[in-house]
């Protein structure tokens, strides 16, 4: 397969330097960058989402950054549809698409396709959650195996979220979640993807997160949150989950001081990074784990061929 057929995917926990790595690769192999981060799509939140600015983009074409208004909903399906379109456009220009971000579900939908399960009413979903609450995870999982034996050994029996999802899908559609998954196909062949995951040591990542949080505040995170508050965004929209909004709001309301807000943001970011790492361990097993210490040396040796990236370990 020639290099123009490749689609490079770069992931890793938050604050691992994914965007910078993607830019360095793009400069070497004539690539264009496509956003795969669910929070960096929002137009009005540059600082808290750590969106690459013009200087950081280094004249490399970037797509799907800051394209959605804060009051708009943006689903995985919408991202996938747009990402596929952008990938094809980049390939037409004889360039290499490089998708970078920390949203595991985005990458999963691109690699495996998106499951087209009928929408399940919220009342029905709440009913399943109530069953789970009454039974607890262990008993609930046993009930799940009775109605859908296909889920056995497919995921961790302690995984509450996936257990509930499998239960509601089987009960509502009468079809196993894994039968739905088997019907799902990607737009691209599996050997078109070159999947790279920046694998930072936990202690090193914690230091990077603390430093980035400090820089965010210095760059104007407080003003950004002030503007966000004035927009009076609906509470049910996913943009409210952007780390830093709640903490900075507490600071502006004089409930906590700035040092406390900074520490809370760092703690929440570390928790998010841990969730990303957990996702990677269970669902990104085929991705090449990259030692961040070796990145700069490798970039210096990199030739204009995406295939050479396979050697990075």
C-alpha atoms as a PDB file:
ATOM      1  CA  UNK A   1       0.000   0.000   0.000  1.00  0.00           C
ATOM      2  CA  UNK A   2       1.448   3.372  -0.978  1.00  0.00           C
ATOM      3  CA  UNK A   3       1.783   6.192   1.513  1.00  0.00           C
ATOM      4  CA  UNK A   4      -1.125   8.176   0.015  1.00  0.00           C
ATOM      5  CA  UNK A   5      -3.500   5.371   1.051  1.00  0.00           C
ATOM      6  CA  UNK A   6      -2.620   5.749   4.720  1.00  0.00           C
ATOM      7  CA  UNK A   7      -4.741   7.535   7.322  1.00  0.00           C
ATOM      8  CA  UNK A   8      -2.725   8.379  10.429  1.00  0.00           C
ATOM      9  CA  UNK A   9      -4.506   8.371  13.786  1.00  0.00           C
ATOM     10  CA  UNK A  10      -2.818   9.962  16.803  1.00  0.00           C
ATOM     11  CA  UNK A  11      -4.295   9.616  20.270  1.00  0.00           C
ATOM     12  CA  UNK A  12      -3.191   9.714  23.878  1.00  0.00           C
ATOM     13  CA  UNK A  13      -4.292  11.194  27.197  1.00  0.00           C
ATOM     14  CA  UNK A  14      -4.964  14.893  27.579  1.00  0.00           C
ATOM     15  CA  UNK A  15      -1.804  17.056  27.849  1.00  0.00           C
ATOM     16  CA  UNK A  16       0.363  14.381  26.192  1.00  0.00           C
ATOM     17  CA  UNK A  17       1.448  16.641  23.313  1.00  0.00           C
ATOM     18  CA  UNK A  18      -0.680  15.037  20.585  1.00  0.00           C
ATOM     19  CA  UNK A  19      -1.278  18.233  18.608  1.00  0.00           C
ATOM     20  CA  UNK A  20       2.402  19.179  18.550  1.00  0.00           C
ATOM     21  CA  UNK A  21       3.380  15.658  17.473  1.00  0.00           C
ATOM     22  CA  UNK A  22       0.763  15.750  14.681  1.00  0.00           C
ATOM     23  CA  UNK A  23       2.079  19.076  13.359  1.00  0.00           C
ATOM     24  CA  UNK A  24       5.672  17.788  13.281  1.00  0.00           C
ATOM     25  CA  UNK A  25       4.600  14.693  11.352  1.00  0.00           C
ATOM     26  CA  UNK A  26       2.410  16.706   8.971  1.00  0.00           C
ATOM     27  CA  UNK A  27       5.347  18.984   8.083  1.00  0.00           C
ATOM     28  CA  UNK A  28       7.510  15.983   7.251  1.00  0.00           C
ATOM     29  CA  UNK A  29       5.064  13.906   5.222  1.00  0.00           C
ATOM     30  CA  UNK A  30       2.884  16.575   3.598  1.00  0.00           C
ATOM     31  CA  UNK A  31      -0.134  15.966   5.813  1.00  0.00           C
ATOM     32  CA  UNK A  32      -3.237  17.848   6.919  1.00  0.00           C
ATOM     33  CA  UNK A  33      -4.692  17.606  10.415  1.00  0.00           C
ATOM     34  CA  UNK A  34      -8.282  16.702  11.278  1.00  0.00           C
ATOM     35  CA  UNK A  35      -9.649  17.191  14.797  1.00  0.00           C
ATOM     36  CA  UNK A  36     -10.750  14.112  16.760  1.00  0.00           C
ATOM     37  CA  UNK A  37     -11.453  15.850  20.071  1.00  0.00           C
ATOM     38  CA  UNK A  38     -15.092  16.346  21.063  1.00  0.00           C
ATOM     39  CA  UNK A  39     -14.442  19.589  22.957  1.00  0.00           C
ATOM     40  CA  UNK A  40     -12.113  21.299  20.477  1.00  0.00           C
ATOM     41  CA  UNK A  41     -14.963  21.540  17.953  1.00  0.00           C
ATOM     42  CA  UNK A  42     -16.471  24.455  19.907  1.00  0.00           C
ATOM     43  CA  UNK A  43     -15.838  27.887  18.435  1.00  0.00           C
ATOM     44  CA  UNK A  44     -15.898  30.024  21.581  1.00  0.00           C
ATOM     45  CA  UNK A  45     -13.736  27.861  23.854  1.00  0.00           C
ATOM     46  CA  UNK A  46     -10.120  28.037  22.752  1.00  0.00           C
ATOM     47  CA  UNK A  47      -8.190  28.115  26.017  1.00  0.00           C
ATOM     48  CA  UNK A  48      -9.999  25.589  28.221  1.00  0.00           C
ATOM     49  CA  UNK A  49     -10.096  23.015  25.408  1.00  0.00           C
ATOM     50  CA  UNK A  50      -6.393  23.577  24.599  1.00  0.00           C
ATOM     51  CA  UNK A  51      -7.225  24.132  20.950  1.00  0.00           C
ATOM     52  CA  UNK A  52      -4.107  24.675  18.793  1.00  0.00           C
ATOM     53  CA  UNK A  53      -3.743  28.372  17.969  1.00  0.00           C
ATOM     54  CA  UNK A  54      -2.497  29.788  14.643  1.00  0.00           C
ATOM     55  CA  UNK A  55       1.111  29.858  15.829  1.00  0.00           C
ATOM     56  CA  UNK A  56       0.973  26.256  17.063  1.00  0.00           C
ATOM     57  CA  UNK A  57      -0.561  25.130  13.757  1.00  0.00           C
ATOM     58  CA  UNK A  58       2.652  26.234  11.984  1.00  0.00           C
ATOM     59  CA  UNK A  59       0.965  26.819   8.601  1.00  0.00           C
ATOM     60  CA  UNK A  60      -0.315  23.234   8.478  1.00  0.00           C
ATOM     61  CA  UNK A  61      -3.944  23.055   7.373  1.00  0.00           C
ATOM     62  CA  UNK A  62      -6.218  22.126  10.293  1.00  0.00           C
ATOM     63  CA  UNK A  63      -9.822  20.952   9.920  1.00  0.00           C
ATOM     64  CA  UNK A  64     -12.836  20.738  12.270  1.00  0.00           C
ATOM     65  CA  UNK A  65     -11.444  22.979  15.014  1.00  0.00           C
ATOM     66  CA  UNK A  66     -13.787  25.655  16.401  1.00  0.00           C
ATOM     67  CA  UNK A  67     -16.573  24.883  13.936  1.00  0.00           C
ATOM     68  CA  UNK A  68     -19.572  24.460  16.273  1.00  0.00           C
ATOM     69  CA  UNK A  69     -21.361  27.099  18.356  1.00  0.00           C
ATOM     70  CA  UNK A  70     -21.655  26.416  22.076  1.00  0.00           C
ATOM     71  CA  UNK A  71     -25.452  26.182  21.940  1.00  0.00           C
ATOM     72  CA  UNK A  72     -25.409  23.481  19.238  1.00  0.00           C
ATOM     73  CA  UNK A  73     -25.497  19.727  19.761  1.00  0.00           C
ATOM     74  CA  UNK A  74     -22.764  17.761  18.033  1.00  0.00           C
ATOM     75  CA  UNK A  75     -22.984  13.973  18.023  1.00  0.00           C
ATOM     76  CA  UNK A  76     -20.434  11.276  17.243  1.00  0.00           C
ATOM     77  CA  UNK A  77     -22.432  10.585  14.084  1.00  0.00           C
ATOM     78  CA  UNK A  78     -22.067  14.203  12.949  1.00  0.00           C
ATOM     79  CA  UNK A  79     -18.348  14.124  13.671  1.00  0.00           C
ATOM     80  CA  UNK A  80     -17.905  10.870  11.741  1.00  0.00           C
ATOM     81  CA  UNK A  81     -19.804  12.121   8.701  1.00  0.00           C
ATOM     82  CA  UNK A  82     -17.713  15.309   8.559  1.00  0.00           C
ATOM     83  CA  UNK A  83     -14.424  13.503   9.286  1.00  0.00           C
ATOM     84  CA  UNK A  84     -14.986  11.010   6.434  1.00  0.00           C
ATOM     85  CA  UNK A  85     -15.678  13.899   4.065  1.00  0.00           C
ATOM     86  CA  UNK A  86     -12.503  15.719   5.169  1.00  0.00           C
ATOM     87  CA  UNK A  87     -10.355  12.580   4.868  1.00  0.00           C
ATOM     88  CA  UNK A  88     -11.508  12.100   1.279  1.00  0.00           C
ATOM     89  CA  UNK A  89     -10.870  15.781   0.475  1.00  0.00           C
ATOM     90  CA  UNK A  90      -7.327  15.592   1.903  1.00  0.00           C
ATOM     91  CA  UNK A  91      -6.595  12.410  -0.072  1.00  0.00           C
ATOM     92  CA  UNK A  92      -7.846  14.081  -3.280  1.00  0.00           C
ATOM     93  CA  UNK A  93      -5.218  16.767  -2.747  1.00  0.00           C
ATOM     94  CA  UNK A  94      -2.594  13.967  -2.620  1.00  0.00           C
ATOM     95  CA  UNK A  95      -1.906  14.708   1.042  1.00  0.00           C
ATOM     96  CA  UNK A  96      -2.012  12.453   4.092  1.00  0.00           C
ATOM     97  CA  UNK A  97      -4.883  12.867   6.575  1.00  0.00           C
ATOM     98  CA  UNK A  98      -3.740  12.930  10.210  1.00  0.00           C
ATOM     99  CA  UNK A  99      -6.534  12.656  12.773  1.00  0.00           C
ATOM    100  CA  UNK A 100      -5.553  13.747  16.250  1.00  0.00           C
ATOM    101  CA  UNK A 101      -7.456  13.922  19.533  1.00  0.00           C
ATOM    102  CA  UNK A 102      -8.366  12.238  22.777  1.00  0.00           C
ATOM    103  CA  UNK A 103     -11.952  11.179  22.097  1.00  0.00           C
ATOM    104  CA  UNK A 104     -11.804   7.396  21.913  1.00  0.00           C
ATOM    105  CA  UNK A 105     -15.373   7.049  20.676  1.00  0.00           C
ATOM    106  CA  UNK A 106     -14.571   9.184  17.623  1.00  0.00           C
ATOM    107  CA  UNK A 107     -11.687   6.901  16.654  1.00  0.00           C
ATOM    108  CA  UNK A 108     -13.751   3.785  17.330  1.00  0.00           C
ATOM    109  CA  UNK A 109     -16.536   5.036  15.057  1.00  0.00           C
ATOM    110  CA  UNK A 110     -14.027   5.778  12.278  1.00  0.00           C
ATOM    111  CA  UNK A 111     -12.228   2.418  12.524  1.00  0.00           C
ATOM    112  CA  UNK A 112     -15.246   0.159  13.108  1.00  0.00           C
ATOM    113  CA  UNK A 113     -18.124   2.248  11.786  1.00  0.00           C
ATOM    114  CA  UNK A 114     -20.961   3.684  13.848  1.00  0.00           C
ATOM    115  CA  UNK A 115     -23.658   1.377  15.141  1.00  0.00           C
ATOM    116  CA  UNK A 116     -27.033   2.489  13.792  1.00  0.00           C
ATOM    117  CA  UNK A 117     -29.139   1.399  16.745  1.00  0.00           C
ATOM    118  CA  UNK A 118     -32.655   2.913  16.895  1.00  0.00           C
ATOM    119  CA  UNK A 119     -32.994   5.739  19.400  1.00  0.00           C
ATOM    120  CA  UNK A 120     -34.185   4.441  22.762  1.00  0.00           C
ATOM    121  CA  UNK A 121     -36.685   6.695  24.619  1.00  0.00           C
ATOM    122  CA  UNK A 122     -35.307   8.344  27.729  1.00  0.00           C
ATOM    123  CA  UNK A 123     -38.138   6.910  29.894  1.00  0.00           C
ATOM    124  CA  UNK A 124     -37.161   3.401  28.848  1.00  0.00           C
ATOM    125  CA  UNK A 125     -33.476   4.086  29.516  1.00  0.00           C
ATOM    126  CA  UNK A 126     -34.251   5.505  32.968  1.00  0.00           C
ATOM    127  CA  UNK A 127     -36.256   2.363  33.738  1.00  0.00           C
ATOM    128  CA  UNK A 128     -33.166   0.217  33.027  1.00  0.00           C
ATOM    129  CA  UNK A 129     -31.016   2.469  35.200  1.00  0.00           C
ATOM    130  CA  UNK A 130     -33.502   2.007  38.040  1.00  0.00           C
ATOM    131  CA  UNK A 131     -33.265  -1.784  37.652  1.00  0.00           C
ATOM    132  CA  UNK A 132     -29.487  -1.465  37.876  1.00  0.00           C
ATOM    133  CA  UNK A 133     -29.680   0.724  40.953  1.00  0.00           C
ATOM    134  CA  UNK A 134     -31.983  -1.741  42.741  1.00  0.00           C
ATOM    135  CA  UNK A 135     -29.903  -4.815  41.881  1.00  0.00           C
ATOM    136  CA  UNK A 136     -26.326  -3.567  41.908  1.00  0.00           C
ATOM    137  CA  UNK A 137     -23.762  -4.362  39.192  1.00  0.00           C
ATOM    138  CA  UNK A 138     -23.165  -8.041  40.022  1.00  0.00           C
ATOM    139  CA  UNK A 139     -26.841  -9.103  39.968  1.00  0.00           C
ATOM    140  CA  UNK A 140     -27.601  -6.783  37.042  1.00  0.00           C
ATOM    141  CA  UNK A 141     -24.837  -8.390  34.946  1.00  0.00           C
ATOM    142  CA  UNK A 142     -26.241 -11.869  35.703  1.00  0.00           C
ATOM    143  CA  UNK A 143     -29.679 -10.677  34.520  1.00  0.00           C
ATOM    144  CA  UNK A 144     -28.034  -9.283  31.380  1.00  0.00           C
ATOM    145  CA  UNK A 145     -26.470 -12.690  30.594  1.00  0.00           C
ATOM    146  CA  UNK A 146     -29.910 -14.298  30.868  1.00  0.00           C
ATOM    147  CA  UNK A 147     -31.485 -11.989  28.286  1.00  0.00           C
ATOM    148  CA  UNK A 148     -28.380 -11.651  26.090  1.00  0.00           C
ATOM    149  CA  UNK A 149     -25.801 -14.487  26.392  1.00  0.00           C
ATOM    150  CA  UNK A 150     -23.829 -12.886  23.506  1.00  0.00           C
ATOM    151  CA  UNK A 151     -22.299 -10.326  25.871  1.00  0.00           C
ATOM    152  CA  UNK A 152     -20.412 -12.963  27.866  1.00  0.00           C
ATOM    153  CA  UNK A 153     -16.630 -12.330  27.770  1.00  0.00           C
ATOM    154  CA  UNK A 154     -17.149  -9.286  25.535  1.00  0.00           C
ATOM    155  CA  UNK A 155     -16.414  -6.733  28.264  1.00  0.00           C
ATOM    156  CA  UNK A 156     -15.535  -6.479  31.953  1.00  0.00           C
ATOM    157  CA  UNK A 157     -18.489  -7.720  34.096  1.00  0.00           C
ATOM    158  CA  UNK A 158     -17.843  -4.692  36.360  1.00  0.00           C
ATOM    159  CA  UNK A 159     -18.330  -2.222  33.506  1.00  0.00           C
ATOM    160  CA  UNK A 160     -21.539  -0.530  34.613  1.00  0.00           C
ATOM    161  CA  UNK A 161     -21.977   1.738  31.573  1.00  0.00           C
ATOM    162  CA  UNK A 162     -21.602  -1.005  28.961  1.00  0.00           C
ATOM    163  CA  UNK A 163     -23.782  -3.410  30.979  1.00  0.00           C
ATOM    164  CA  UNK A 164     -26.634  -0.902  31.098  1.00  0.00           C
ATOM    165  CA  UNK A 165     -26.236  -0.098  27.403  1.00  0.00           C
ATOM    166  CA  UNK A 166     -26.275  -3.778  26.387  1.00  0.00           C
ATOM    167  CA  UNK A 167     -29.326  -4.405  28.588  1.00  0.00           C
ATOM    168  CA  UNK A 168     -31.392  -1.525  27.193  1.00  0.00           C
ATOM    169  CA  UNK A 169     -30.495  -2.346  23.575  1.00  0.00           C
ATOM    170  CA  UNK A 170     -31.477  -6.014  23.902  1.00  0.00           C
ATOM    171  CA  UNK A 171     -34.692  -5.250  25.768  1.00  0.00           C
ATOM    172  CA  UNK A 172     -35.809  -2.450  23.457  1.00  0.00           C
ATOM    173  CA  UNK A 173     -34.714  -3.737  20.031  1.00  0.00           C
ATOM    174  CA  UNK A 174     -34.880  -7.509  20.765  1.00  0.00           C
ATOM    175  CA  UNK A 175     -31.433  -7.698  19.115  1.00  0.00           C
ATOM    176  CA  UNK A 176     -28.113  -8.125  20.931  1.00  0.00           C
ATOM    177  CA  UNK A 177     -25.757  -5.143  21.001  1.00  0.00           C
ATOM    178  CA  UNK A 178     -23.120  -7.406  19.424  1.00  0.00           C
ATOM    179  CA  UNK A 179     -25.430  -8.381  16.566  1.00  0.00           C
ATOM    180  CA  UNK A 180     -25.806  -4.658  15.879  1.00  0.00           C
ATOM    181  CA  UNK A 181     -22.014  -4.293  16.021  1.00  0.00           C
ATOM    182  CA  UNK A 182     -21.518  -7.114  13.517  1.00  0.00           C
ATOM    183  CA  UNK A 183     -23.735  -5.252  11.048  1.00  0.00           C
ATOM    184  CA  UNK A 184     -21.533  -2.182  11.319  1.00  0.00           C
ATOM    185  CA  UNK A 185     -18.834  -1.449   8.737  1.00  0.00           C
ATOM    186  CA  UNK A 186     -16.207   1.257   8.387  1.00  0.00           C
ATOM    187  CA  UNK A 187     -15.891   3.470   5.337  1.00  0.00           C
ATOM    188  CA  UNK A 188     -12.211   2.471   5.166  1.00  0.00           C
ATOM    189  CA  UNK A 189     -10.210  -0.773   5.206  1.00  0.00           C
ATOM    190  CA  UNK A 190      -8.464  -1.642   8.467  1.00  0.00           C
ATOM    191  CA  UNK A 191      -4.998  -1.667   6.852  1.00  0.00           C
ATOM    192  CA  UNK A 192      -5.463   1.960   5.751  1.00  0.00           C
ATOM    193  CA  UNK A 193      -5.077   3.120   9.356  1.00  0.00           C
ATOM    194  CA  UNK A 194      -1.778   3.742  11.097  1.00  0.00           C
ATOM    195  CA  UNK A 195      -2.745   4.047  14.777  1.00  0.00           C
ATOM    196  CA  UNK A 196      -0.357   5.767  17.200  1.00  0.00           C
ATOM    197  CA  UNK A 197      -0.900   6.268  20.933  1.00  0.00           C
ATOM    198  CA  UNK A 198       1.366   8.529  23.019  1.00  0.00           C
ATOM    199  CA  UNK A 199       1.970   6.526  26.166  1.00  0.00           C
ATOM    200  CA  UNK A 200       3.096   8.850  28.978  1.00  0.00           C
ATOM    201  CA  UNK A 201       4.056   7.641  32.435  1.00  0.00           C
ATOM    202  CA  UNK A 202       1.412   8.694  34.963  1.00  0.00           C
ATOM    203  CA  UNK A 203       3.799  10.783  37.096  1.00  0.00           C
ATOM    204  CA  UNK A 204       5.136  12.668  34.055  1.00  0.00           C
ATOM    205  CA  UNK A 205       1.634  13.345  32.780  1.00  0.00           C
ATOM    206  CA  UNK A 206       0.545  14.756  36.158  1.00  0.00           C
ATOM    207  CA  UNK A 207       3.364  17.336  35.954  1.00  0.00           C
ATOM    208  CA  UNK A 208       2.356  18.283  32.396  1.00  0.00           C
ATOM    209  CA  UNK A 209      -1.293  18.665  33.428  1.00  0.00           C
ATOM    210  CA  UNK A 210      -0.420  20.991  36.337  1.00  0.00           C
ATOM    211  CA  UNK A 211       1.766  23.126  34.079  1.00  0.00           C
ATOM    212  CA  UNK A 212      -0.885  23.324  31.352  1.00  0.00           C
ATOM    213  CA  UNK A 213      -3.578  24.336  33.849  1.00  0.00           C
ATOM    214  CA  UNK A 214      -1.373  27.167  35.091  1.00  0.00           C
ATOM    215  CA  UNK A 215      -0.744  28.341  31.528  1.00  0.00           C
ATOM    216  CA  UNK A 216      -4.466  28.245  30.707  1.00  0.00           C
ATOM    217  CA  UNK A 217      -5.188  30.665  33.531  1.00  0.00           C
ATOM    218  CA  UNK A 218      -2.339  32.917  32.417  1.00  0.00           C
ATOM    219  CA  UNK A 219      -3.664  32.916  28.843  1.00  0.00           C
ATOM    220  CA  UNK A 220      -7.135  34.111  29.879  1.00  0.00           C
ATOM    221  CA  UNK A 221      -9.272  31.154  30.979  1.00  0.00           C
ATOM    222  CA  UNK A 222     -11.137  33.386  33.464  1.00  0.00           C
ATOM    223  CA  UNK A 223     -12.274  35.788  30.730  1.00  0.00           C
ATOM    224  CA  UNK A 224     -13.289  32.848  28.554  1.00  0.00           C
ATOM    225  CA  UNK A 225     -15.532  31.472  31.320  1.00  0.00           C
ATOM    226  CA  UNK A 226     -17.015  34.937  31.948  1.00  0.00           C
ATOM    227  CA  UNK A 227     -18.058  35.061  28.285  1.00  0.00           C
ATOM    228  CA  UNK A 228     -19.409  31.518  28.530  1.00  0.00           C
ATOM    229  CA  UNK A 229     -21.578  32.390  31.561  1.00  0.00           C
ATOM    230  CA  UNK A 230     -23.093  35.386  29.732  1.00  0.00           C
ATOM    231  CA  UNK A 231     -24.256  33.103  26.905  1.00  0.00           C
ATOM    232  CA  UNK A 232     -26.516  31.168  29.342  1.00  0.00           C
ATOM    233  CA  UNK A 233     -25.982  27.817  27.633  1.00  0.00           C
ATOM    234  CA  UNK A 234     -28.529  25.032  28.294  1.00  0.00           C
ATOM    235  CA  UNK A 235     -27.341  22.812  31.143  1.00  0.00           C
ATOM    236  CA  UNK A 236     -28.013  19.572  29.251  1.00  0.00           C
ATOM    237  CA  UNK A 237     -25.571  20.380  26.428  1.00  0.00           C
ATOM    238  CA  UNK A 238     -22.276  18.451  26.469  1.00  0.00           C
ATOM    239  CA  UNK A 239     -20.199  21.640  26.265  1.00  0.00           C
ATOM    240  CA  UNK A 240     -20.924  22.148  29.980  1.00  0.00           C
ATOM    241  CA  UNK A 241     -18.606  19.210  30.647  1.00  0.00           C
ATOM    242  CA  UNK A 242     -15.543  21.126  29.452  1.00  0.00           C
ATOM    243  CA  UNK A 243     -13.103  20.958  32.362  1.00  0.00           C
ATOM    244  CA  UNK A 244     -12.588  24.350  33.970  1.00  0.00           C
ATOM    245  CA  UNK A 245     -16.024  25.875  33.431  1.00  0.00           C
ATOM    246  CA  UNK A 246     -17.472  24.716  36.747  1.00  0.00           C
ATOM    247  CA  UNK A 247     -14.273  25.454  38.694  1.00  0.00           C
ATOM    248  CA  UNK A 248     -13.846  28.946  37.240  1.00  0.00           C
ATOM    249  CA  UNK A 249     -17.535  29.670  37.834  1.00  0.00           C
ATOM    250  CA  UNK A 250     -17.047  28.787  41.508  1.00  0.00           C
ATOM    251  CA  UNK A 251     -14.069  31.156  41.605  1.00  0.00           C
ATOM    252  CA  UNK A 252     -16.053  33.980  39.978  1.00  0.00           C
ATOM    253  CA  UNK A 253     -18.854  33.380  42.490  1.00  0.00           C
ATOM    254  CA  UNK A 254     -16.227  33.780  45.260  1.00  0.00           C
ATOM    255  CA  UNK A 255     -16.872  30.263  46.567  1.00  0.00           C
ATOM    256  CA  UNK A 256     -13.212  29.310  46.147  1.00  0.00           C
ATOM    257  CA  UNK A 257      -9.968  31.209  45.511  1.00  0.00           C
ATOM    258  CA  UNK A 258      -7.906  31.045  42.311  1.00  0.00           C
ATOM    259  CA  UNK A 259      -5.357  28.560  43.686  1.00  0.00           C
ATOM    260  CA  UNK A 260      -8.182  26.224  44.690  1.00  0.00           C
ATOM    261  CA  UNK A 261      -9.786  26.569  41.250  1.00  0.00           C
ATOM    262  CA  UNK A 262      -6.465  25.770  39.582  1.00  0.00           C
ATOM    263  CA  UNK A 263      -5.969  22.678  41.754  1.00  0.00           C
ATOM    264  CA  UNK A 264      -9.532  21.454  41.117  1.00  0.00           C
ATOM    265  CA  UNK A 265      -9.036  21.815  37.353  1.00  0.00           C
ATOM    266  CA  UNK A 266      -5.793  19.835  37.569  1.00  0.00           C
ATOM    267  CA  UNK A 267      -7.464  17.103  39.628  1.00  0.00           C
ATOM    268  CA  UNK A 268     -10.394  16.792  37.219  1.00  0.00           C
ATOM    269  CA  UNK A 269      -8.006  16.745  34.252  1.00  0.00           C
ATOM    270  CA  UNK A 270      -5.979  13.961  35.876  1.00  0.00           C
ATOM    271  CA  UNK A 271      -9.183  11.979  36.399  1.00  0.00           C
ATOM    272  CA  UNK A 272     -10.080  12.483  32.739  1.00  0.00           C
ATOM    273  CA  UNK A 273      -6.606  11.351  31.665  1.00  0.00           C
ATOM    274  CA  UNK A 274      -7.038   8.218  33.773  1.00  0.00           C
ATOM    275  CA  UNK A 275     -10.346   7.442  32.031  1.00  0.00           C
ATOM    276  CA  UNK A 276      -8.666   7.918  28.650  1.00  0.00           C
ATOM    277  CA  UNK A 277      -5.889   5.518  29.663  1.00  0.00           C
ATOM    278  CA  UNK A 278      -8.464   2.954  30.812  1.00  0.00           C
ATOM    279  CA  UNK A 279     -10.238   3.227  27.445  1.00  0.00           C
ATOM    280  CA  UNK A 280      -6.911   2.754  25.635  1.00  0.00           C
ATOM    281  CA  UNK A 281      -6.029  -0.360  27.643  1.00  0.00           C
ATOM    282  CA  UNK A 282      -9.334  -2.046  26.814  1.00  0.00           C
ATOM    283  CA  UNK A 283     -10.213  -0.708  23.352  1.00  0.00           C
ATOM    284  CA  UNK A 284      -6.987   0.413  21.676  1.00  0.00           C
ATOM    285  CA  UNK A 285      -5.011  -2.796  21.957  1.00  0.00           C
ATOM    286  CA  UNK A 286      -3.888  -2.744  18.316  1.00  0.00           C
ATOM    287  CA  UNK A 287      -2.528   0.826  18.514  1.00  0.00           C
ATOM    288  CA  UNK A 288       1.250   1.322  18.512  1.00  0.00           C
ATOM    289  CA  UNK A 289       2.289   2.671  21.906  1.00  0.00           C
ATOM    290  CA  UNK A 290       4.760   5.527  21.505  1.00  0.00           C
ATOM    291  CA  UNK A 291       7.444   6.420  24.014  1.00  0.00           C
ATOM    292  CA  UNK A 292       7.192  10.253  24.218  1.00  0.00           C
ATOM    293  CA  UNK A 293      10.899  10.542  25.050  1.00  0.00           C
ATOM    294  CA  UNK A 294      11.792   9.210  21.582  1.00  0.00           C
ATOM    295  CA  UNK A 295       9.421  11.434  19.578  1.00  0.00           C
ATOM    296  CA  UNK A 296      11.764  14.333  18.777  1.00  0.00           C
ATOM    297  CA  UNK A 297      14.638  12.063  17.758  1.00  0.00           C
ATOM    298  CA  UNK A 298      12.311  10.106  15.539  1.00  0.00           C
ATOM    299  CA  UNK A 299      10.886  13.225  13.863  1.00  0.00           C
ATOM    300  CA  UNK A 300      14.441  14.272  12.900  1.00  0.00           C
ATOM    301  CA  UNK A 301      14.972  10.941  11.119  1.00  0.00           C
ATOM    302  CA  UNK A 302      11.512  10.818   9.549  1.00  0.00           C
ATOM    303  CA  UNK A 303      11.425  10.629   5.759  1.00  0.00           C
ATOM    304  CA  UNK A 304       8.523  11.665   3.564  1.00  0.00           C
ATOM    305  CA  UNK A 305       6.723   8.351   3.879  1.00  0.00           C
ATOM    306  CA  UNK A 306       3.894   7.607   6.301  1.00  0.00           C
ATOM    307  CA  UNK A 307       4.896   3.948   6.226  1.00  0.00           C
ATOM    308  CA  UNK A 308       8.125   4.740   8.112  1.00  0.00           C
ATOM    309  CA  UNK A 309       5.998   5.637  11.129  1.00  0.00           C
ATOM    310  CA  UNK A 310       5.489   1.929  11.741  1.00  0.00           C
ATOM    311  CA  UNK A 311       8.994   1.807  13.179  1.00  0.00           C
ATOM    312  CA  UNK A 312       8.158   4.207  15.997  1.00  0.00           C
ATOM    313  CA  UNK A 313       8.043   2.417  19.366  1.00  0.00           C
END
